[in-house]
Each structure stands twice: as C-alpha cells, then as structure tokens.
Amino acid sequence: MLDGVVLSRKTGAGALRRPVLVALGLRTAARRRSSTSAWRRAKSAAEWEKFLADLYAVGSPARVST
C-alpha cells in the first residue's frame, strides 16, 4: 500500500508542513509488515517516482512489483 500524508515539524522558526511518502507491505501468511517512509518536497508524480526508485535500489521488502 502506498500513501502520502502531510505532517507538521517543529523548527526554530515555527512549524513546517512537509509531505511524507509511505510504503507499507503486508504479508498475510506470516502476518508481518514492513514499511518505509521519506520526507519529500511534494506529493507529486516525480517525487513518487524517486521514492519508488530508492526502494527498488536498496532492495526494500516494501518494494512494489510492477
């Protein structure tokens, strides 16, 4: 499952709202899940492509098959 949420981070200059892209993998047989997330500049198609390319490059268990 893929999702994007916008979270607020506190900084010295106040709150900063930033999108977080999340990949969550569920395994029904073992009932385990693996997930990863990354702060991004936007929830755009280009940012999603970078996020998924990063997952694929590191061989993450949350990899999305095409």
C-alpha atoms as a PDB file:
ATOM      1  CA  MET A   1       0.000   0.000   0.000  1.00  0.00           C
ATOM      2  CA  LEU A   2       1.262   3.474  -0.810  1.00  0.00           C
ATOM      3  CA  ASP A   3       0.137   6.695   0.816  1.00  0.00           C
ATOM      4  CA  GLY A   4       1.221  10.271   1.262  1.00  0.00           C
ATOM      5  CA  VAL A   5       0.450  12.396   4.319  1.00  0.00           C
ATOM      6  CA  VAL A   6       1.340  15.923   5.325  1.00  0.00           C
ATOM      7  CA  LEU A   7       2.881  16.310   8.775  1.00  0.00           C
ATOM      8  CA  SER A   8       3.999  19.344  10.743  1.00  0.00           C
ATOM      9  CA  ARG A   9       7.553  19.515  12.046  1.00  0.00           C
ATOM     10  CA  LYS A  10       8.579  21.981  14.705  1.00  0.00           C
ATOM     11  CA  THR A  11      11.594  24.084  13.814  1.00  0.00           C
ATOM     12  CA  GLY A  12      13.278  27.062  15.422  1.00  0.00           C
ATOM     13  CA  ALA A  13      11.278  29.320  13.098  1.00  0.00           C
ATOM     14  CA  GLY A  14       7.913  27.637  13.801  1.00  0.00           C
ATOM     15  CA  ALA A  15       6.018  24.697  12.332  1.00  0.00           C
ATOM     16  CA  LEU A  16       6.929  23.447   8.884  1.00  0.00           C
ATOM     17  CA  ARG A  17       4.393  21.355   6.956  1.00  0.00           C
ATOM     18  CA  ARG A  18       6.061  18.673   4.815  1.00  0.00           C
ATOM     19  CA  PRO A  19       4.688  15.694   2.905  1.00  0.00           C
ATOM     20  CA  VAL A  20       5.783  12.191   3.892  1.00  0.00           C
ATOM     21  CA  LEU A  21       5.514   9.335   1.401  1.00  0.00           C
ATOM     22  CA  VAL A  22       4.881   5.917   2.954  1.00  0.00           C
ATOM     23  CA  ALA A  23       5.123   2.363   1.584  1.00  0.00           C
ATOM     24  CA  LEU A  24       3.562  -0.393   3.671  1.00  0.00           C
ATOM     25  CA  GLY A  25       3.790  -4.087   2.781  1.00  0.00           C
ATOM     26  CA  LEU A  26       1.506  -6.665   4.379  1.00  0.00           C
ATOM     27  CA  ARG A  27       2.243 -10.384   4.357  1.00  0.00           C
ATOM     28  CA  THR A  28      -0.860 -12.420   5.083  1.00  0.00           C
ATOM     29  CA  ALA A  29       0.885 -15.767   5.710  1.00  0.00           C
ATOM     30  CA  ALA A  30       3.300 -14.526   8.358  1.00  0.00           C
ATOM     31  CA  ARG A  31       1.183 -11.514   9.351  1.00  0.00           C
ATOM     32  CA  ARG A  32       4.255  -9.340   9.222  1.00  0.00           C
ATOM     33  CA  ARG A  33       4.515  -5.934   7.748  1.00  0.00           C
ATOM     34  CA  SER A  34       7.403  -3.891   6.563  1.00  0.00           C
ATOM     35  CA  SER A  35       7.300  -0.214   5.856  1.00  0.00           C
ATOM     36  CA  THR A  36       9.405   2.738   4.932  1.00  0.00           C
ATOM     37  CA  SER A  37       8.816   6.460   4.679  1.00  0.00           C
ATOM     38  CA  ALA A  38      10.586   9.548   3.418  1.00  0.00           C
ATOM     39  CA  TRP A  39      10.182  13.304   3.789  1.00  0.00           C
ATOM     40  CA  ARG A  40       9.669  14.902   0.362  1.00  0.00           C
ATOM     41  CA  ARG A  41       9.099  18.369  -1.076  1.00  0.00           C
ATOM     42  CA  ALA A  42       5.694  17.476  -2.561  1.00  0.00           C
ATOM     43  CA  LYS A  43       3.310  14.600  -3.220  1.00  0.00           C
ATOM     44  CA  SER A  44       3.949  14.868  -6.953  1.00  0.00           C
ATOM     45  CA  ALA A  45       4.393  12.086  -9.505  1.00  0.00           C
ATOM     46  CA  ALA A  46       8.092  12.941  -9.805  1.00  0.00           C
ATOM     47  CA  GLU A  47       8.622  12.592  -6.031  1.00  0.00           C
ATOM     48  CA  TRP A  48       6.758   9.263  -6.012  1.00  0.00           C
ATOM     49  CA  GLU A  49       8.968   8.004  -8.840  1.00  0.00           C
ATOM     50  CA  LYS A  50      12.102   8.956  -6.878  1.00  0.00           C
ATOM     51  CA  PHE A  51      10.714   7.336  -3.735  1.00  0.00           C
ATOM     52  CA  LEU A  52       9.906   4.056  -5.503  1.00  0.00           C
ATOM     53  CA  ALA A  53      13.263   4.063  -7.327  1.00  0.00           C
ATOM     54  CA  ASP A  54      15.015   4.444  -3.949  1.00  0.00           C
ATOM     55  CA  LEU A  55      13.039   1.495  -2.546  1.00  0.00           C
ATOM     56  CA  TYR A  56      13.948  -0.653  -5.515  1.00  0.00           C
ATOM     57  CA  ALA A  57      17.628   0.342  -5.355  1.00  0.00           C
ATOM     58  CA  VAL A  58      18.047  -0.732  -1.728  1.00  0.00           C
ATOM     59  CA  GLY A  59      16.012  -3.899  -2.166  1.00  0.00           C
ATOM     60  CA  SER A  60      13.454  -2.883   0.440  1.00  0.00           C
ATOM     61  CA  PRO A  61      10.948  -5.557   1.479  1.00  0.00           C
ATOM     62  CA  ALA A  62       8.290  -2.913   0.868  1.00  0.00           C
ATOM     63  CA  ARG A  63       9.219  -2.931  -2.831  1.00  0.00           C
ATOM     64  CA  VAL A  64       6.293  -2.504  -5.189  1.00  0.00           C
ATOM     65  CA  SER A  65       6.109  -5.009  -8.036  1.00  0.00           C
ATOM     66  CA  THR A  66       5.116  -3.772 -11.455  1.00  0.00           C
END
